[in-house]
Amino acid sequence: MTGCETWDTSPRVYSLSSPVSSKSAFLSYKGDVFVRLKYCPPEGAHQEMGGVLYCLVKAASNLCSVGSGRIPDPFCKTVLWPNQTGDKQKTAIIKKTSNPEWNHLFKHEGVTEKELREGSLELTIWHHELMTSNVFLGGVRLNVGTGYSYGHAVHFMDGTGPEVECWQTLLDMPNKWREWALSLRPGMD
């Protein structure tokens, strides 16, 4: 007995994804960002003062080249929407790498849980240019993905999939660090 007698040789049909969608997904891949997040709500009678949102931007990987194949000089910016104060924070610039390691801790103080539910943390990665505008490499927007903030349709509440899961975990599990690897969006429109 060779074992061939038990093989099922009947034809099978397998569903395959469209080559166009696979190609477009490949073309839109901009790399990944690795972050750790923690929200520490206020304790006791200090509820109105808000808590602290910590965002440790550890690294990015597989960033695209810029211009005519140049290796980027990347840095990361964060903004917590709705941004009433114009407060933006950024990491140091790491020269000539597609895989920067920042290990930079961003701290947003005085943030209430309601502000987190109605807001969004935007992380964008840029290539630093000396003489011209910086070049956008990719970004993520962490939020609950409703499209609305305080009852108004807004651009910054458009989180999807892992971005929403990351943010919801932050809200559901305060005082605990959680680490995420997130794919960068090709645009922040």
C-alpha atoms as a PDB file:
ATOM      1  CA  MET A   1       0.000   0.000   0.000  1.00  0.00           C
ATOM      2  CA  THR A   2       1.477   3.338  -1.057  1.00  0.00           C
ATOM      3  CA  GLY A   3      -0.941   5.638   0.764  1.00  0.00           C
ATOM      4  CA  CYS A   4      -2.215   7.122  -2.494  1.00  0.00           C
ATOM      5  CA  GLU A   5      -5.507   5.278  -2.152  1.00  0.00           C
ATOM      6  CA  THR A   6      -6.677   7.767   0.516  1.00  0.00           C
ATOM      7  CA  TRP A   7      -5.843  10.934  -1.383  1.00  0.00           C
ATOM      8  CA  ASP A   8      -8.743  13.102  -2.434  1.00  0.00           C
ATOM      9  CA  THR A   9      -7.985  14.042  -6.038  1.00  0.00           C
ATOM     10  CA  SER A  10     -11.290  15.772  -6.763  1.00  0.00           C
ATOM     11  CA  PRO A  11     -10.985  19.309  -8.124  1.00  0.00           C
ATOM     12  CA  ARG A  12     -11.361  22.147  -5.631  1.00  0.00           C
ATOM     13  CA  VAL A  13     -12.257  25.788  -6.088  1.00  0.00           C
ATOM     14  CA  TYR A  14     -10.370  28.365  -4.042  1.00  0.00           C
ATOM     15  CA  SER A  15     -11.342  32.022  -3.834  1.00  0.00           C
ATOM     16  CA  LEU A  16      -8.489  34.331  -4.647  1.00  0.00           C
ATOM     17  CA  SER A  17      -8.357  38.025  -3.940  1.00  0.00           C
ATOM     18  CA  SER A  18      -8.205  40.429  -6.822  1.00  0.00           C
ATOM     19  CA  PRO A  19      -4.671  41.139  -8.032  1.00  0.00           C
ATOM     20  CA  VAL A  20      -5.611  44.810  -8.291  1.00  0.00           C
ATOM     21  CA  SER A  21      -6.431  45.096  -4.577  1.00  0.00           C
ATOM     22  CA  SER A  22      -3.248  43.238  -3.642  1.00  0.00           C
ATOM     23  CA  LYS A  23      -1.208  45.511  -5.857  1.00  0.00           C
ATOM     24  CA  SER A  24      -2.849  48.649  -4.473  1.00  0.00           C
ATOM     25  CA  ALA A  25      -2.306  47.433  -0.895  1.00  0.00           C
ATOM     26  CA  PHE A  26       1.364  46.841  -1.705  1.00  0.00           C
ATOM     27  CA  LEU A  27       1.699  50.260  -3.341  1.00  0.00           C
ATOM     28  CA  SER A  28       0.065  52.012  -0.363  1.00  0.00           C
ATOM     29  CA  TYR A  29       2.273  50.334   2.274  1.00  0.00           C
ATOM     30  CA  LYS A  30       4.417  53.028   3.895  1.00  0.00           C
ATOM     31  CA  GLY A  31       5.963  51.113   6.787  1.00  0.00           C
ATOM     32  CA  ASP A  32       5.081  50.561  10.437  1.00  0.00           C
ATOM     33  CA  VAL A  33       5.315  52.510  13.671  1.00  0.00           C
ATOM     34  CA  PHE A  34       5.827  50.908  17.090  1.00  0.00           C
ATOM     35  CA  VAL A  35       4.232  52.668  20.054  1.00  0.00           C
ATOM     36  CA  ARG A  36       3.419  52.115  23.720  1.00  0.00           C
ATOM     37  CA  LEU A  37       0.430  53.941  25.203  1.00  0.00           C
ATOM     38  CA  LYS A  38      -0.909  54.516  28.702  1.00  0.00           C
ATOM     39  CA  TYR A  39      -3.590  56.791  30.111  1.00  0.00           C
ATOM     40  CA  CYS A  40      -3.461  57.640  33.822  1.00  0.00           C
ATOM     41  CA  PRO A  41      -6.774  59.178  34.906  1.00  0.00           C
ATOM     42  CA  PRO A  42      -6.811  61.622  37.819  1.00  0.00           C
ATOM     43  CA  GLU A  43      -7.383  60.157  41.255  1.00  0.00           C
ATOM     44  CA  GLY A  44      -9.892  61.165  43.886  1.00  0.00           C
ATOM     45  CA  ALA A  45     -11.294  64.685  43.946  1.00  0.00           C
ATOM     46  CA  HIS A  46      -9.114  65.911  41.053  1.00  0.00           C
ATOM     47  CA  GLN A  47     -11.317  64.510  38.250  1.00  0.00           C
ATOM     48  CA  GLU A  48     -11.834  67.902  36.598  1.00  0.00           C
ATOM     49  CA  MET A  49      -8.080  68.418  36.232  1.00  0.00           C
ATOM     50  CA  GLY A  50      -7.711  65.543  33.812  1.00  0.00           C
ATOM     51  CA  GLY A  51      -5.125  62.820  33.637  1.00  0.00           C
ATOM     52  CA  VAL A  52      -1.981  62.137  31.643  1.00  0.00           C
ATOM     53  CA  LEU A  53      -1.722  60.454  28.259  1.00  0.00           C
ATOM     54  CA  TYR A  54       1.689  58.873  27.657  1.00  0.00           C
ATOM     55  CA  CYS A  55       2.804  57.879  24.178  1.00  0.00           C
ATOM     56  CA  LEU A  56       6.201  56.244  23.787  1.00  0.00           C
ATOM     57  CA  VAL A  57       7.157  56.257  20.112  1.00  0.00           C
ATOM     58  CA  LYS A  58       9.682  53.460  20.025  1.00  0.00           C
ATOM     59  CA  ALA A  59      10.568  53.108  16.350  1.00  0.00           C
ATOM     60  CA  ALA A  60       9.421  52.851  12.761  1.00  0.00           C
ATOM     61  CA  SER A  61      10.356  50.281  10.161  1.00  0.00           C
ATOM     62  CA  ASN A  62      10.403  49.920   6.398  1.00  0.00           C
ATOM     63  CA  LEU A  63       9.973  53.632   5.702  1.00  0.00           C
ATOM     64  CA  CYS A  64       9.931  54.524   2.017  1.00  0.00           C
ATOM     65  CA  SER A  65      12.809  56.258   0.324  1.00  0.00           C
ATOM     66  CA  VAL A  66      12.356  59.879  -0.711  1.00  0.00           C
ATOM     67  CA  GLY A  67      13.004  61.719  -3.937  1.00  0.00           C
ATOM     68  CA  SER A  68      15.177  59.714  -6.258  1.00  0.00           C
ATOM     69  CA  GLY A  69      15.724  56.781  -3.910  1.00  0.00           C
ATOM     70  CA  ARG A  70      17.354  58.701  -1.057  1.00  0.00           C
ATOM     71  CA  ILE A  71      17.268  57.174   2.421  1.00  0.00           C
ATOM     72  CA  PRO A  72      15.064  59.338   4.684  1.00  0.00           C
ATOM     73  CA  ASP A  73      16.059  61.468   7.672  1.00  0.00           C
ATOM     74  CA  PRO A  74      12.878  60.700   9.665  1.00  0.00           C
ATOM     75  CA  PHE A  75      11.232  62.282  12.666  1.00  0.00           C
ATOM     76  CA  CYS A  76       7.788  61.783  14.249  1.00  0.00           C
ATOM     77  CA  LYS A  77       5.242  64.462  15.214  1.00  0.00           C
ATOM     78  CA  THR A  78       2.235  64.060  17.493  1.00  0.00           C
ATOM     79  CA  VAL A  79      -0.843  66.172  17.958  1.00  0.00           C
ATOM     80  CA  LEU A  80      -3.836  65.475  20.194  1.00  0.00           C
ATOM     81  CA  TRP A  81      -7.066  66.543  18.422  1.00  0.00           C
ATOM     82  CA  PRO A  82      -9.114  68.635  18.814  1.00  0.00           C
ATOM     83  CA  ASN A  83      -6.043  70.770  19.104  1.00  0.00           C
ATOM     84  CA  GLN A  84      -7.168  74.003  20.738  1.00  0.00           C
ATOM     85  CA  THR A  85      -3.672  75.172  21.686  1.00  0.00           C
ATOM     86  CA  GLY A  86      -1.663  74.327  18.564  1.00  0.00           C
ATOM     87  CA  ASP A  87       0.418  71.985  20.746  1.00  0.00           C
ATOM     88  CA  LYS A  88       2.555  69.726  18.572  1.00  0.00           C
ATOM     89  CA  GLN A  89       5.457  67.659  19.796  1.00  0.00           C
ATOM     90  CA  LYS A  90       8.180  65.925  17.811  1.00  0.00           C
ATOM     91  CA  THR A  91      11.061  63.520  18.154  1.00  0.00           C
ATOM     92  CA  ALA A  92      14.648  64.070  17.177  1.00  0.00           C
ATOM     93  CA  ILE A  93      15.653  63.584  13.532  1.00  0.00           C
ATOM     94  CA  ILE A  94      17.480  60.328  12.875  1.00  0.00           C
ATOM     95  CA  LYS A  95      19.800  60.616   9.876  1.00  0.00           C
ATOM     96  CA  LYS A  96      19.754  58.270   6.885  1.00  0.00           C
ATOM     97  CA  THR A  97      17.627  55.323   8.002  1.00  0.00           C
ATOM     98  CA  SER A  98      14.438  53.584   6.963  1.00  0.00           C
ATOM     99  CA  ASN A  99      14.269  51.972  10.408  1.00  0.00           C
ATOM    100  CA  PRO A 100      14.640  54.761  12.999  1.00  0.00           C
ATOM    101  CA  GLU A 101      14.625  54.114  16.739  1.00  0.00           C
ATOM    102  CA  TRP A 102      13.477  57.111  18.777  1.00  0.00           C
ATOM    103  CA  ASN A 103      12.298  55.747  22.158  1.00  0.00           C
ATOM    104  CA  HIS A 104      10.772  59.187  22.699  1.00  0.00           C
ATOM    105  CA  LEU A 105       8.110  59.730  25.373  1.00  0.00           C
ATOM    106  CA  PHE A 106       5.356  62.222  24.585  1.00  0.00           C
ATOM    107  CA  LYS A 107       3.285  63.408  27.532  1.00  0.00           C
ATOM    108  CA  HIS A 108      -0.112  65.114  27.211  1.00  0.00           C
ATOM    109  CA  GLU A 109      -1.279  66.435  30.600  1.00  0.00           C
ATOM    110  CA  GLY A 110      -4.712  67.554  31.764  1.00  0.00           C
ATOM    111  CA  VAL A 111      -6.591  65.170  29.449  1.00  0.00           C
ATOM    112  CA  THR A 112      -9.976  63.829  30.579  1.00  0.00           C
ATOM    113  CA  GLU A 113     -11.437  60.498  29.538  1.00  0.00           C
ATOM    114  CA  LYS A 114     -14.195  62.363  27.670  1.00  0.00           C
ATOM    115  CA  GLU A 115     -11.548  64.277  25.717  1.00  0.00           C
ATOM    116  CA  LEU A 116      -9.945  60.958  24.748  1.00  0.00           C
ATOM    117  CA  ARG A 117     -13.316  59.535  23.615  1.00  0.00           C
ATOM    118  CA  GLU A 118     -14.034  62.679  21.586  1.00  0.00           C
ATOM    119  CA  GLY A 119     -10.480  63.202  20.387  1.00  0.00           C
ATOM    120  CA  SER A 120      -7.696  61.603  18.420  1.00  0.00           C
ATOM    121  CA  LEU A 121      -3.953  61.135  18.763  1.00  0.00           C
ATOM    122  CA  GLU A 122      -2.260  61.684  15.421  1.00  0.00           C
ATOM    123  CA  LEU A 123       1.267  60.403  14.804  1.00  0.00           C
ATOM    124  CA  THR A 124       2.909  61.415  11.538  1.00  0.00           C
ATOM    125  CA  ILE A 125       6.355  60.532  10.268  1.00  0.00           C
ATOM    126  CA  TRP A 126       8.262  62.968   8.107  1.00  0.00           C
ATOM    127  CA  HIS A 127      11.531  63.177   6.207  1.00  0.00           C
ATOM    128  CA  HIS A 128      13.460  66.287   7.265  1.00  0.00           C
ATOM    129  CA  GLU A 129      14.453  68.576   4.396  1.00  0.00           C
ATOM    130  CA  LEU A 130      16.867  71.433   4.990  1.00  0.00           C
ATOM    131  CA  MET A 131      15.935  73.816   2.173  1.00  0.00           C
ATOM    132  CA  THR A 132      12.339  72.835   1.320  1.00  0.00           C
ATOM    133  CA  SER A 133       9.223  71.528   3.046  1.00  0.00           C
ATOM    134  CA  ASN A 134       9.492  68.284   4.976  1.00  0.00           C
ATOM    135  CA  VAL A 135       8.194  65.197   3.141  1.00  0.00           C
ATOM    136  CA  PHE A 136       5.295  63.200   4.608  1.00  0.00           C
ATOM    137  CA  LEU A 137       6.189  59.489   4.938  1.00  0.00           C
ATOM    138  CA  GLY A 138       3.058  58.133   6.658  1.00  0.00           C
ATOM    139  CA  GLY A 139       0.932  58.344   9.759  1.00  0.00           C
ATOM    140  CA  VAL A 140      -1.721  56.889  12.047  1.00  0.00           C
ATOM    141  CA  ARG A 141      -4.748  58.395  13.763  1.00  0.00           C
ATOM    142  CA  LEU A 142      -5.771  56.717  17.013  1.00  0.00           C
ATOM    143  CA  ASN A 143      -9.411  57.284  17.996  1.00  0.00           C
ATOM    144  CA  VAL A 144     -12.791  55.547  18.326  1.00  0.00           C
ATOM    145  CA  GLY A 145     -13.490  55.957  14.588  1.00  0.00           C
ATOM    146  CA  THR A 146     -16.940  57.564  14.770  1.00  0.00           C
ATOM    147  CA  GLY A 147     -16.244  60.443  12.385  1.00  0.00           C
ATOM    148  CA  TYR A 148     -17.631  62.821  15.020  1.00  0.00           C
ATOM    149  CA  SER A 149     -16.194  64.880  17.863  1.00  0.00           C
ATOM    150  CA  TYR A 150     -18.588  66.572  20.279  1.00  0.00           C
ATOM    151  CA  GLY A 151     -21.446  66.030  17.782  1.00  0.00           C
ATOM    152  CA  HIS A 152     -19.663  67.542  14.759  1.00  0.00           C
ATOM    153  CA  ALA A 153     -18.320  65.695  11.712  1.00  0.00           C
ATOM    154  CA  VAL A 154     -14.532  66.075  11.752  1.00  0.00           C
ATOM    155  CA  HIS A 155     -11.586  64.805   9.723  1.00  0.00           C
ATOM    156  CA  PHE A 156      -9.570  63.547  12.686  1.00  0.00           C
ATOM    157  CA  MET A 157     -12.014  60.869  13.945  1.00  0.00           C
ATOM    158  CA  ASP A 158     -11.485  58.472  11.032  1.00  0.00           C
ATOM    159  CA  GLY A 159      -9.646  55.637  12.791  1.00  0.00           C
ATOM    160  CA  THR A 160     -10.055  52.155  11.332  1.00  0.00           C
ATOM    161  CA  GLY A 161      -9.219  48.593  12.387  1.00  0.00           C
ATOM    162  CA  PRO A 162      -6.069  48.437  14.511  1.00  0.00           C
ATOM    163  CA  GLU A 163      -6.122  52.210  15.167  1.00  0.00           C
ATOM    164  CA  VAL A 164      -9.572  51.954  16.786  1.00  0.00           C
ATOM    165  CA  GLU A 165      -8.649  48.736  18.623  1.00  0.00           C
ATOM    166  CA  CYS A 166      -5.521  50.390  20.027  1.00  0.00           C
ATOM    167  CA  TRP A 167      -7.433  53.468  21.239  1.00  0.00           C
ATOM    168  CA  GLN A 168     -10.335  51.477  22.679  1.00  0.00           C
ATOM    169  CA  THR A 169      -7.885  49.308  24.634  1.00  0.00           C
ATOM    170  CA  LEU A 170      -6.282  52.483  26.009  1.00  0.00           C
ATOM    171  CA  LEU A 171      -9.719  53.681  27.193  1.00  0.00           C
ATOM    172  CA  ASP A 172     -10.783  50.299  28.589  1.00  0.00           C
ATOM    173  CA  MET A 173      -7.555  49.569  30.470  1.00  0.00           C
ATOM    174  CA  PRO A 174      -6.252  52.735  32.158  1.00  0.00           C
ATOM    175  CA  ASN A 175      -2.956  52.767  34.060  1.00  0.00           C
ATOM    176  CA  LYS A 176      -1.501  49.942  31.946  1.00  0.00           C
ATOM    177  CA  TRP A 177       1.072  50.170  29.192  1.00  0.00           C
ATOM    178  CA  ARG A 178       0.032  48.552  25.914  1.00  0.00           C
ATOM    179  CA  GLU A 179       2.337  48.114  22.948  1.00  0.00           C
ATOM    180  CA  TRP A 180       1.237  48.302  19.294  1.00  0.00           C
ATOM    181  CA  ALA A 181       2.724  47.871  15.844  1.00  0.00           C
ATOM    182  CA  LEU A 182       0.615  49.915  13.416  1.00  0.00           C
ATOM    183  CA  SER A 183       0.833  50.203   9.636  1.00  0.00           C
ATOM    184  CA  LEU A 184       1.315  53.751   8.437  1.00  0.00           C
ATOM    185  CA  ARG A 185      -1.343  55.361   6.259  1.00  0.00           C
ATOM    186  CA  PRO A 186      -0.206  56.783   2.924  1.00  0.00           C
ATOM    187  CA  GLY A 187      -2.190  59.989   3.576  1.00  0.00           C
ATOM    188  CA  MET A 188      -4.007  61.772   6.382  1.00  0.00           C
ATOM    189  CA  ASP A 189      -6.911  63.246   4.384  1.00  0.00           C
END
